[in-house]
């Protein structure tokens, strides 16, 4: 999804803030990729199929560096599914952390 005016407006809305807070209440304020706890954690859309009515399965918490990397890989991957790119990155980071 491009950063349309509608998208930017939604991210500033009370509706999105409520969804973010619901995500954090259920999952904590933690990067699901690198494990960073606290600080600035972005609630990332793994799919825009349900934009503005996102189920929790379409959201994942990422720190800013991990969020940037997911989007970089998504852009570089052409038509790869954003959910697939995100989950692959998360698994890669978790596996590297275990070593």
PDB file of N, CA and C in Angstrom:
ATOM      1  N   UNK A   1       0.844  -1.179   0.000  1.00  0.00           N
ATOM      2  CA  UNK A   1       0.000   0.000   0.000  1.00  0.00           C
ATOM      3  C   UNK A   1       0.887   1.238   0.000  1.00  0.00           C
ATOM      4  N   UNK A   2       0.529   2.168  -0.811  1.00  0.00           N
ATOM      5  CA  UNK A   2       1.231   3.451  -0.852  1.00  0.00           C
ATOM      6  C   UNK A   2       0.762   4.306   0.325  1.00  0.00           C
ATOM      7  N   UNK A   3       1.566   5.264   0.664  1.00  0.00           N
ATOM      8  CA  UNK A   3       1.197   6.176   1.744  1.00  0.00           C
ATOM      9  C   UNK A   3       0.234   7.229   1.205  1.00  0.00           C
ATOM     10  N   UNK A   4      -0.982   6.815   0.972  1.00  0.00           N
ATOM     11  CA  UNK A   4      -2.022   7.702   0.463  1.00  0.00           C
ATOM     12  C   UNK A   4      -2.465   8.651   1.569  1.00  0.00           C
ATOM     13  N   UNK A   5      -3.136   9.737   1.208  1.00  0.00           N
ATOM     14  CA  UNK A   5      -3.695  10.613   2.250  1.00  0.00           C
ATOM     15  C   UNK A   5      -4.633   9.850   3.196  1.00  0.00           C
ATOM     16  N   UNK A   6      -5.404   8.921   2.664  1.00  0.00           N
ATOM     17  CA  UNK A   6      -6.304   8.111   3.499  1.00  0.00           C
ATOM     18  C   UNK A   6      -5.514   7.294   4.520  1.00  0.00           C
ATOM     19  N   UNK A   7      -4.419   6.684   4.068  1.00  0.00           N
ATOM     20  CA  UNK A   7      -3.576   5.881   4.955  1.00  0.00           C
ATOM     21  C   UNK A   7      -2.966   6.760   6.046  1.00  0.00           C
ATOM     22  N   UNK A   8      -2.403   7.889   5.658  1.00  0.00           N
ATOM     23  CA  UNK A   8      -1.782   8.798   6.627  1.00  0.00           C
ATOM     24  C   UNK A   8      -2.804   9.303   7.640  1.00  0.00           C
ATOM     25  N   UNK A   9      -3.997   9.625   7.172  1.00  0.00           N
ATOM     26  CA  UNK A   9      -5.054  10.092   8.062  1.00  0.00           C
ATOM     27  C   UNK A   9      -5.456   8.981   9.041  1.00  0.00           C
ATOM     28  N   UNK A  10      -5.582   7.771   8.548  1.00  0.00           N
ATOM     29  CA  UNK A  10      -5.957   6.643   9.397  1.00  0.00           C
ATOM     30  C   UNK A  10      -4.932   6.424  10.512  1.00  0.00           C
ATOM     31  N   UNK A  11      -3.631   6.512  10.184  1.00  0.00           N
ATOM     32  CA  UNK A  11      -2.595   6.293  11.193  1.00  0.00           C
ATOM     33  C   UNK A  11      -2.613   7.349  12.297  1.00  0.00           C
ATOM     34  N   UNK A  12      -3.285   8.472  12.065  1.00  0.00           N
ATOM     35  CA  UNK A  12      -3.418   9.520  13.077  1.00  0.00           C
ATOM     36  C   UNK A  12      -4.760   9.440  13.810  1.00  0.00           C
ATOM     37  N   UNK A  13      -5.583   8.486  13.437  1.00  0.00           N
ATOM     38  CA  UNK A  13      -6.954   8.429  13.952  1.00  0.00           C
ATOM     39  C   UNK A  13      -7.051   7.736  15.317  1.00  0.00           C
ATOM     40  N   UNK A  14      -8.097   8.053  16.074  1.00  0.00           N
ATOM     41  CA  UNK A  14      -8.362   7.342  17.328  1.00  0.00           C
ATOM     42  C   UNK A  14      -8.626   5.852  17.089  1.00  0.00           C
ATOM     43  N   UNK A  15      -9.193   5.531  15.939  1.00  0.00           N
ATOM     44  CA  UNK A  15      -9.459   4.127  15.595  1.00  0.00           C
ATOM     45  C   UNK A  15      -8.151   3.329  15.510  1.00  0.00           C
ATOM     46  N   UNK A  16      -7.145   3.885  14.832  1.00  0.00           N
ATOM     47  CA  UNK A  16      -5.855   3.197  14.714  1.00  0.00           C
ATOM     48  C   UNK A  16      -5.150   3.142  16.074  1.00  0.00           C
ATOM     49  N   UNK A  17      -5.220   4.236  16.830  1.00  0.00           N
ATOM     50  CA  UNK A  17      -4.591   4.254  18.148  1.00  0.00           C
ATOM     51  C   UNK A  17      -5.207   3.179  19.046  1.00  0.00           C
ATOM     52  N   UNK A  18      -6.507   3.004  18.974  1.00  0.00           N
ATOM     53  CA  UNK A  18      -7.176   1.951  19.756  1.00  0.00           C
ATOM     54  C   UNK A  18      -6.716   0.568  19.314  1.00  0.00           C
ATOM     55  N   UNK A  19      -6.549   0.379  18.005  1.00  0.00           N
ATOM     56  CA  UNK A  19      -6.087  -0.913  17.475  1.00  0.00           C
ATOM     57  C   UNK A  19      -4.658  -1.181  17.939  1.00  0.00           C
ATOM     58  N   UNK A  20      -3.798  -0.164  17.881  1.00  0.00           N
ATOM     59  CA  UNK A  20      -2.405  -0.300  18.346  1.00  0.00           C
ATOM     60  C   UNK A  20      -2.367  -0.689  19.816  1.00  0.00           C
ATOM     61  N   UNK A  21      -3.144   0.015  20.619  1.00  0.00           N
ATOM     62  CA  UNK A  21      -3.151  -0.266  22.055  1.00  0.00           C
ATOM     63  C   UNK A  21      -3.675  -1.670  22.342  1.00  0.00           C
ATOM     64  N   UNK A  22      -4.649  -2.115  21.563  1.00  0.00           N
ATOM     65  CA  UNK A  22      -5.158  -3.477  21.705  1.00  0.00           C
ATOM     66  C   UNK A  22      -4.046  -4.484  21.367  1.00  0.00           C
ATOM     67  N   UNK A  23      -3.301  -4.186  20.297  1.00  0.00           N
ATOM     68  CA  UNK A  23      -2.182  -5.057  19.926  1.00  0.00           C
ATOM     69  C   UNK A  23      -1.175  -5.138  21.077  1.00  0.00           C
ATOM     70  N   UNK A  24      -0.771  -3.977  21.612  1.00  0.00           N
ATOM     71  CA  UNK A  24       0.214  -3.956  22.701  1.00  0.00           C
ATOM     72  C   UNK A  24      -0.316  -4.656  23.949  1.00  0.00           C
ATOM     73  N   UNK A  25      -1.595  -4.513  24.248  1.00  0.00           N
ATOM     74  CA  UNK A  25      -2.182  -5.182  25.414  1.00  0.00           C
ATOM     75  C   UNK A  25      -2.108  -6.697  25.263  1.00  0.00           C
ATOM     76  N   UNK A  26      -2.270  -7.185  24.048  1.00  0.00           N
ATOM     77  CA  UNK A  26      -2.247  -8.627  23.806  1.00  0.00           C
ATOM     78  C   UNK A  26      -0.842  -9.190  23.632  1.00  0.00           C
ATOM     79  N   UNK A  27       0.068  -8.382  23.088  1.00  0.00           N
ATOM     80  CA  UNK A  27       1.384  -8.901  22.692  1.00  0.00           C
ATOM     81  C   UNK A  27       2.564  -8.248  23.387  1.00  0.00           C
ATOM     82  N   UNK A  28       2.318  -7.203  24.137  1.00  0.00           N
ATOM     83  CA  UNK A  28       3.409  -6.475  24.765  1.00  0.00           C
ATOM     84  C   UNK A  28       4.067  -5.513  23.791  1.00  0.00           C
ATOM     85  N   UNK A  29       4.878  -4.651  24.338  1.00  0.00           N
ATOM     86  CA  UNK A  29       5.605  -3.658  23.536  1.00  0.00           C
ATOM     87  C   UNK A  29       6.986  -4.232  23.262  1.00  0.00           C
ATOM     88  N   UNK A  30       7.029  -5.138  22.273  1.00  0.00           N
ATOM     89  CA  UNK A  30       8.241  -5.898  21.976  1.00  0.00           C
ATOM     90  C   UNK A  30       8.372  -6.096  20.473  1.00  0.00           C
ATOM     91  N   UNK A  31       9.602  -6.011  19.977  1.00  0.00           N
ATOM     92  CA  UNK A  31       9.864  -6.326  18.578  1.00  0.00           C
ATOM     93  C   UNK A  31       9.800  -7.838  18.422  1.00  0.00           C
ATOM     94  N   UNK A  32       8.940  -8.300  17.558  1.00  0.00           N
ATOM     95  CA  UNK A  32       8.775  -9.729  17.359  1.00  0.00           C
ATOM     96  C   UNK A  32       9.928 -10.337  16.549  1.00  0.00           C
ATOM     97  N   UNK A  33      10.771  -9.500  15.968  1.00  0.00           N
ATOM     98  CA  UNK A  33      11.908 -10.006  15.201  1.00  0.00           C
ATOM     99  C   UNK A  33      13.164 -10.103  16.066  1.00  0.00           C
ATOM    100  N   UNK A  34      13.632  -8.983  16.589  1.00  0.00           N
ATOM    101  CA  UNK A  34      14.906  -8.977  17.318  1.00  0.00           C
ATOM    102  C   UNK A  34      14.734  -9.125  18.822  1.00  0.00           C
ATOM    103  N   UNK A  35      13.512  -8.946  19.310  1.00  0.00           N
ATOM    104  CA  UNK A  35      13.251  -9.120  20.737  1.00  0.00           C
ATOM    105  C   UNK A  35      13.385  -7.866  21.576  1.00  0.00           C
ATOM    106  N   UNK A  36      13.719  -6.730  20.955  1.00  0.00           N
ATOM    107  CA  UNK A  36      13.844  -5.483  21.712  1.00  0.00           C
ATOM    108  C   UNK A  36      12.540  -5.212  22.458  1.00  0.00           C
ATOM    109  N   UNK A  37      12.673  -4.856  23.728  1.00  0.00           N
ATOM    110  CA  UNK A  37      11.514  -4.567  24.561  1.00  0.00           C
ATOM    111  C   UNK A  37      11.474  -3.079  24.858  1.00  0.00           C
ATOM    112  N   UNK A  38      10.300  -2.486  24.731  1.00  0.00           N
ATOM    113  CA  UNK A  38      10.114  -1.074  25.048  1.00  0.00           C
ATOM    114  C   UNK A  38      10.634  -0.169  23.960  1.00  0.00           C
ATOM    115  N   UNK A  39      10.661   1.095  24.257  1.00  0.00           N
ATOM    116  CA  UNK A  39      11.083   2.077  23.270  1.00  0.00           C
ATOM    117  C   UNK A  39      10.041   2.204  22.172  1.00  0.00           C
ATOM    118  N   UNK A  40      10.477   2.650  21.029  1.00  0.00           N
ATOM    119  CA  UNK A  40       9.552   2.871  19.911  1.00  0.00           C
ATOM    120  C   UNK A  40       9.325   1.557  19.164  1.00  0.00           C
ATOM    121  N   UNK A  41       8.154   1.002  19.322  1.00  0.00           N
ATOM    122  CA  UNK A  41       7.765  -0.211  18.600  1.00  0.00           C
ATOM    123  C   UNK A  41       6.626   0.163  17.664  1.00  0.00           C
ATOM    124  N   UNK A  42       6.791  -0.172  16.397  1.00  0.00           N
ATOM    125  CA  UNK A  42       5.801   0.100  15.359  1.00  0.00           C
ATOM    126  C   UNK A  42       4.861  -1.091  15.265  1.00  0.00           C
ATOM    127  N   UNK A  43       3.575  -0.827  15.128  1.00  0.00           N
ATOM    128  CA  UNK A  43       2.632  -1.908  14.825  1.00  0.00           C
ATOM    129  C   UNK A  43       2.534  -1.947  13.298  1.00  0.00           C
ATOM    130  N   UNK A  44       3.142  -2.978  12.739  1.00  0.00           N
ATOM    131  CA  UNK A  44       3.323  -3.145  11.295  1.00  0.00           C
ATOM    132  C   UNK A  44       2.185  -3.972  10.710  1.00  0.00           C
ATOM    133  N   UNK A  45       1.663  -3.536   9.574  1.00  0.00           N
ATOM    134  CA  UNK A  45       0.670  -4.313   8.833  1.00  0.00           C
ATOM    135  C   UNK A  45       1.402  -5.394   8.030  1.00  0.00           C
ATOM    136  N   UNK A  46       1.046  -6.650   8.234  1.00  0.00           N
ATOM    137  CA  UNK A  46       1.597  -7.718   7.396  1.00  0.00           C
ATOM    138  C   UNK A  46       0.711  -7.933   6.177  1.00  0.00           C
ATOM    139  N   UNK A  47      -0.456  -7.314   6.196  1.00  0.00           N
ATOM    140  CA  UNK A  47      -1.387  -7.353   5.075  1.00  0.00           C
ATOM    141  C   UNK A  47      -2.247  -6.102   5.142  1.00  0.00           C
ATOM    142  N   UNK A  48      -2.607  -5.600   3.985  1.00  0.00           N
ATOM    143  CA  UNK A  48      -3.529  -4.465   3.918  1.00  0.00           C
ATOM    144  C   UNK A  48      -4.900  -4.914   3.411  1.00  0.00           C
ATOM    145  N   UNK A  49      -5.122  -6.217   3.355  1.00  0.00           N
ATOM    146  CA  UNK A  49      -6.401  -6.745   2.877  1.00  0.00           C
ATOM    147  C   UNK A  49      -7.568  -6.283   3.737  1.00  0.00           C
ATOM    148  N   UNK A  50      -7.324  -6.084   5.015  1.00  0.00           N
ATOM    149  CA  UNK A  50      -8.375  -5.675   5.943  1.00  0.00           C
ATOM    150  C   UNK A  50      -8.120  -4.277   6.489  1.00  0.00           C
ATOM    151  N   UNK A  51      -7.559  -3.422   5.658  1.00  0.00           N
ATOM    152  CA  UNK A  51      -7.199  -2.072   6.060  1.00  0.00           C
ATOM    153  C   UNK A  51      -8.386  -1.367   6.719  1.00  0.00           C
ATOM    154  N   UNK A  52      -8.136  -0.793   7.876  1.00  0.00           N
ATOM    155  CA  UNK A  52      -9.090  -0.059   8.697  1.00  0.00           C
ATOM    156  C   UNK A  52     -10.030  -0.971   9.496  1.00  0.00           C
ATOM    157  N   UNK A  53      -9.860  -2.265   9.371  1.00  0.00           N
ATOM    158  CA  UNK A  53     -10.603  -3.230  10.191  1.00  0.00           C
ATOM    159  C   UNK A  53      -9.712  -4.445  10.429  1.00  0.00           C
ATOM    160  N   UNK A  54      -8.440  -4.156  10.743  1.00  0.00           N
ATOM    161  CA  UNK A  54      -7.404  -5.175  10.850  1.00  0.00           C
ATOM    162  C   UNK A  54      -7.665  -6.149  11.998  1.00  0.00           C
ATOM    163  N   UNK A  55      -7.647  -7.451  11.701  1.00  0.00           N
ATOM    164  CA  UNK A  55      -7.602  -8.430  12.793  1.00  0.00           C
ATOM    165  C   UNK A  55      -6.171  -8.462  13.337  1.00  0.00           C
ATOM    166  N   UNK A  56      -6.007  -8.923  14.551  1.00  0.00           N
ATOM    167  CA  UNK A  56      -4.672  -8.952  15.161  1.00  0.00           C
ATOM    168  C   UNK A  56      -3.688  -9.774  14.333  1.00  0.00           C
ATOM    169  N   UNK A  57      -4.161 -10.771  13.598  1.00  0.00           N
ATOM    170  CA  UNK A  57      -3.249 -11.598  12.791  1.00  0.00           C
ATOM    171  C   UNK A  57      -2.602 -10.810  11.645  1.00  0.00           C
ATOM    172  N   UNK A  58      -3.149  -9.632  11.336  1.00  0.00           N
ATOM    173  CA  UNK A  58      -2.581  -8.796  10.278  1.00  0.00           C
ATOM    174  C   UNK A  58      -1.587  -7.764  10.812  1.00  0.00           C
ATOM    175  N   UNK A  59      -1.286  -7.836  12.104  1.00  0.00           N
ATOM    176  CA  UNK A  59      -0.402  -6.852  12.731  1.00  0.00           C
ATOM    177  C   UNK A  59       0.729  -7.551  13.471  1.00  0.00           C
ATOM    178  N   UNK A  60       1.886  -6.896  13.506  1.00  0.00           N
ATOM    179  CA  UNK A  60       3.026  -7.421  14.248  1.00  0.00           C
ATOM    180  C   UNK A  60       3.878  -6.250  14.736  1.00  0.00           C
ATOM    181  N   UNK A  61       4.370  -6.343  15.946  1.00  0.00           N
ATOM    182  CA  UNK A  61       5.209  -5.299  16.510  1.00  0.00           C
ATOM    183  C   UNK A  61       6.653  -5.435  16.055  1.00  0.00           C
ATOM    184  N   UNK A  62       7.222  -4.339  15.583  1.00  0.00           N
ATOM    185  CA  UNK A  62       8.617  -4.315  15.143  1.00  0.00           C
ATOM    186  C   UNK A  62       9.280  -3.032  15.627  1.00  0.00           C
ATOM    187  N   UNK A  63      10.554  -3.125  16.011  1.00  0.00           N
ATOM    188  CA  UNK A  63      11.307  -1.906  16.301  1.00  0.00           C
ATOM    189  C   UNK A  63      11.546  -1.197  14.969  1.00  0.00           C
ATOM    190  N   UNK A  64      11.928   0.060  15.036  1.00  0.00           N
ATOM    191  CA  UNK A  64      12.095   0.830  13.806  1.00  0.00           C
ATOM    192  C   UNK A  64      13.124   0.222  12.840  1.00  0.00           C
ATOM    193  N   UNK A  65      14.320  -0.202  13.300  1.00  0.00           N
ATOM    194  CA  UNK A  65      15.270  -0.796  12.344  1.00  0.00           C
ATOM    195  C   UNK A  65      14.719  -2.060  11.664  1.00  0.00           C
ATOM    196  N   UNK A  66      14.029  -2.909  12.418  1.00  0.00           N
ATOM    197  CA  UNK A  66      13.456  -4.122  11.813  1.00  0.00           C
ATOM    198  C   UNK A  66      12.329  -3.757  10.851  1.00  0.00           C
ATOM    199  N   UNK A  67      11.521  -2.765  11.201  1.00  0.00           N
ATOM    200  CA  UNK A  67      10.429  -2.321  10.332  1.00  0.00           C
ATOM    201  C   UNK A  67      10.978  -1.803   9.000  1.00  0.00           C
ATOM    202  N   UNK A  68      12.010  -0.992   9.080  1.00  0.00           N
ATOM    203  CA  UNK A  68      12.641  -0.464   7.868  1.00  0.00           C
ATOM    204  C   UNK A  68      13.178  -1.608   7.009  1.00  0.00           C
ATOM    205  N   UNK A  69      13.824  -2.585   7.637  1.00  0.00           N
ATOM    206  CA  UNK A  69      14.399  -3.710   6.887  1.00  0.00           C
ATOM    207  C   UNK A  69      13.324  -4.557   6.226  1.00  0.00           C
ATOM    208  N   UNK A  70      12.219  -4.791   6.909  1.00  0.00           N
ATOM    209  CA  UNK A  70      11.120  -5.557   6.296  1.00  0.00           C
ATOM    210  C   UNK A  70      10.635  -4.843   5.037  1.00  0.00           C
ATOM    211  N   UNK A  71      10.428  -3.537   5.124  1.00  0.00           N
ATOM    212  CA  UNK A  71       9.947  -2.807   3.946  1.00  0.00           C
ATOM    213  C   UNK A  71      11.002  -2.745   2.847  1.00  0.00           C
ATOM    214  N   UNK A  72      12.266  -2.667   3.219  1.00  0.00           N
ATOM    215  CA  UNK A  72      13.326  -2.690   2.202  1.00  0.00           C
ATOM    216  C   UNK A  72      13.299  -4.011   1.449  1.00  0.00           C
ATOM    217  N   UNK A  73      13.195  -5.106   2.198  1.00  0.00           N
ATOM    218  CA  UNK A  73      13.151  -6.426   1.565  1.00  0.00           C
ATOM    219  C   UNK A  73      11.888  -6.602   0.730  1.00  0.00           C
ATOM    220  N   UNK A  74      10.793  -6.066   1.205  1.00  0.00           N
ATOM    221  CA  UNK A  74       9.546  -6.181   0.451  1.00  0.00           C
ATOM    222  C   UNK A  74       9.656  -5.445  -0.886  1.00  0.00           C
ATOM    223  N   UNK A  75      10.204  -4.230  -0.855  1.00  0.00           N
ATOM    224  CA  UNK A  75      10.388  -3.477  -2.104  1.00  0.00           C
ATOM    225  C   UNK A  75      11.354  -4.209  -3.034  1.00  0.00           C
ATOM    226  N   UNK A  76      12.437  -4.759  -2.486  1.00  0.00           N
ATOM    227  CA  UNK A  76      13.445  -5.446  -3.299  1.00  0.00           C
ATOM    228  C   UNK A  76      12.914  -6.750  -3.865  1.00  0.00           C
ATOM    229  N   UNK A  77      11.929  -7.336  -3.194  1.00  0.00           N
ATOM    230  CA  UNK A  77      11.394  -8.625  -3.618  1.00  0.00           C
ATOM    231  C   UNK A  77      10.340  -8.567  -4.696  1.00  0.00           C
ATOM    232  N   UNK A  78      10.046  -7.378  -5.165  1.00  0.00           N
ATOM    233  CA  UNK A  78       9.052  -7.265  -6.230  1.00  0.00           C
ATOM    234  C   UNK A  78       7.652  -7.568  -5.747  1.00  0.00           C
ATOM    235  N   UNK A  79       7.092  -8.633  -6.230  1.00  0.00           N
ATOM    236  CA  UNK A  79       5.701  -8.959  -5.940  1.00  0.00           C
ATOM    237  C   UNK A  79       5.527  -9.956  -4.795  1.00  0.00           C
ATOM    238  N   UNK A  80       6.537 -10.158  -3.988  1.00  0.00           N
ATOM    239  CA  UNK A  80       6.397 -11.067  -2.854  1.00  0.00           C
ATOM    240  C   UNK A  80       5.361 -10.544  -1.877  1.00  0.00           C
ATOM    241  N   UNK A  81       4.628 -11.458  -1.290  1.00  0.00           N
ATOM    242  CA  UNK A  81       3.603 -11.142  -0.305  1.00  0.00           C
ATOM    243  C   UNK A  81       4.234 -10.511   0.937  1.00  0.00           C
ATOM    244  N   UNK A  82       3.668  -9.397   1.413  1.00  0.00           N
ATOM    245  CA  UNK A  82       4.222  -8.700   2.566  1.00  0.00           C
ATOM    246  C   UNK A  82       4.222  -9.578   3.814  1.00  0.00           C
ATOM    247  N   UNK A  83       3.174 -10.367   4.014  1.00  0.00           N
ATOM    248  CA  UNK A  83       3.130 -11.267   5.172  1.00  0.00           C
ATOM    249  C   UNK A  83       4.289 -12.255   5.106  1.00  0.00           C
ATOM    250  N   UNK A  84       4.525 -12.815   3.937  1.00  0.00           N
ATOM    251  CA  UNK A  84       5.604 -13.790   3.770  1.00  0.00           C
ATOM    252  C   UNK A  84       6.968 -13.146   4.030  1.00  0.00           C
ATOM    253  N   UNK A  85       7.186 -11.958   3.483  1.00  0.00           N
ATOM    254  CA  UNK A  85       8.458 -11.253   3.690  1.00  0.00           C
ATOM    255  C   UNK A  85       8.650 -10.957   5.177  1.00  0.00           C
ATOM    256  N   UNK A  86       7.596 -10.486   5.831  1.00  0.00           N
ATOM    257  CA  UNK A  86       7.675 -10.148   7.255  1.00  0.00           C
ATOM    258  C   UNK A  86       7.987 -11.376   8.092  1.00  0.00           C
ATOM    259  N   UNK A  87       7.246 -12.451   7.880  1.00  0.00           N
ATOM    260  CA  UNK A  87       7.441 -13.659   8.689  1.00  0.00           C
ATOM    261  C   UNK A  87       8.800 -14.304   8.425  1.00  0.00           C
ATOM    262  N   UNK A  88       9.250 -14.269   7.190  1.00  0.00           N
ATOM    263  CA  UNK A  88      10.574 -14.800   6.866  1.00  0.00           C
ATOM    264  C   UNK A  88      11.651 -14.004   7.602  1.00  0.00           C
ATOM    265  N   UNK A  89      11.511 -12.682   7.616  1.00  0.00           N
ATOM    266  CA  UNK A  89      12.476 -11.833   8.316  1.00  0.00           C
ATOM    267  C   UNK A  89      12.462 -12.115   9.818  1.00  0.00           C
ATOM    268  N   UNK A  90      11.278 -12.228  10.398  1.00  0.00           N
ATOM    269  CA  UNK A  90      11.164 -12.502  11.834  1.00  0.00           C
ATOM    270  C   UNK A  90      11.840 -13.829  12.172  1.00  0.00           C
ATOM    271  N   UNK A  91      11.576 -14.863  11.400  1.00  0.00           N
ATOM    272  CA  UNK A  91      12.180 -16.175  11.665  1.00  0.00           C
ATOM    273  C   UNK A  91      13.702 -16.120  11.506  1.00  0.00           C
ATOM    274  N   UNK A  92      14.167 -15.405  10.503  1.00  0.00           N
ATOM    275  CA  UNK A  92      15.611 -15.257  10.287  1.00  0.00           C
ATOM    276  C   UNK A  92      16.267 -14.570  11.490  1.00  0.00           C
ATOM    277  N   UNK A  93      15.668 -13.485  11.969  1.00  0.00           N
ATOM    278  CA  UNK A  93      16.223 -12.769  13.121  1.00  0.00           C
ATOM    279  C   UNK A  93      16.218 -13.640  14.374  1.00  0.00           C
ATOM    280  N   UNK A  94      15.141 -14.367  14.585  1.00  0.00           N
ATOM    281  CA  UNK A  94      15.053 -15.235  15.773  1.00  0.00           C
ATOM    282  C   UNK A  94      16.076 -16.366  15.695  1.00  0.00           C
ATOM    283  N   UNK A  95      16.244 -16.950  14.517  1.00  0.00           N
ATOM    284  CA  UNK A  95      17.223 -18.032  14.362  1.00  0.00           C
ATOM    285  C   UNK A  95      18.648 -17.533  14.561  1.00  0.00           C
ATOM    286  N   UNK A  96      18.944 -16.341  14.043  1.00  0.00           N
ATOM    287  CA  UNK A  96      20.290 -15.775  14.221  1.00  0.00           C
ATOM    288  C   UNK A  96      20.553 -15.440  15.685  1.00  0.00           C
ATOM    289  N   UNK A  97      19.523 -15.043  16.398  1.00  0.00           N
ATOM    290  CA  UNK A  97      19.680 -14.693  17.812  1.00  0.00           C
ATOM    291  C   UNK A  97      20.000 -15.919  18.659  1.00  0.00           C
ATOM    292  N   UNK A  98      19.494 -17.064  18.268  1.00  0.00           N
ATOM    293  CA  UNK A  98      19.719 -18.311  19.010  1.00  0.00           C
ATOM    294  C   UNK A  98      21.139 -18.826  18.871  1.00  0.00           C
ATOM    295  N   UNK A  99      21.826 -18.412  17.827  1.00  0.00           N
ATOM    296  CA  UNK A  99      23.176 -18.939  17.560  1.00  0.00           C
ATOM    297  C   UNK A  99      24.204 -18.283  18.409  1.00  0.00           C
TER     298      UNK A  99
END
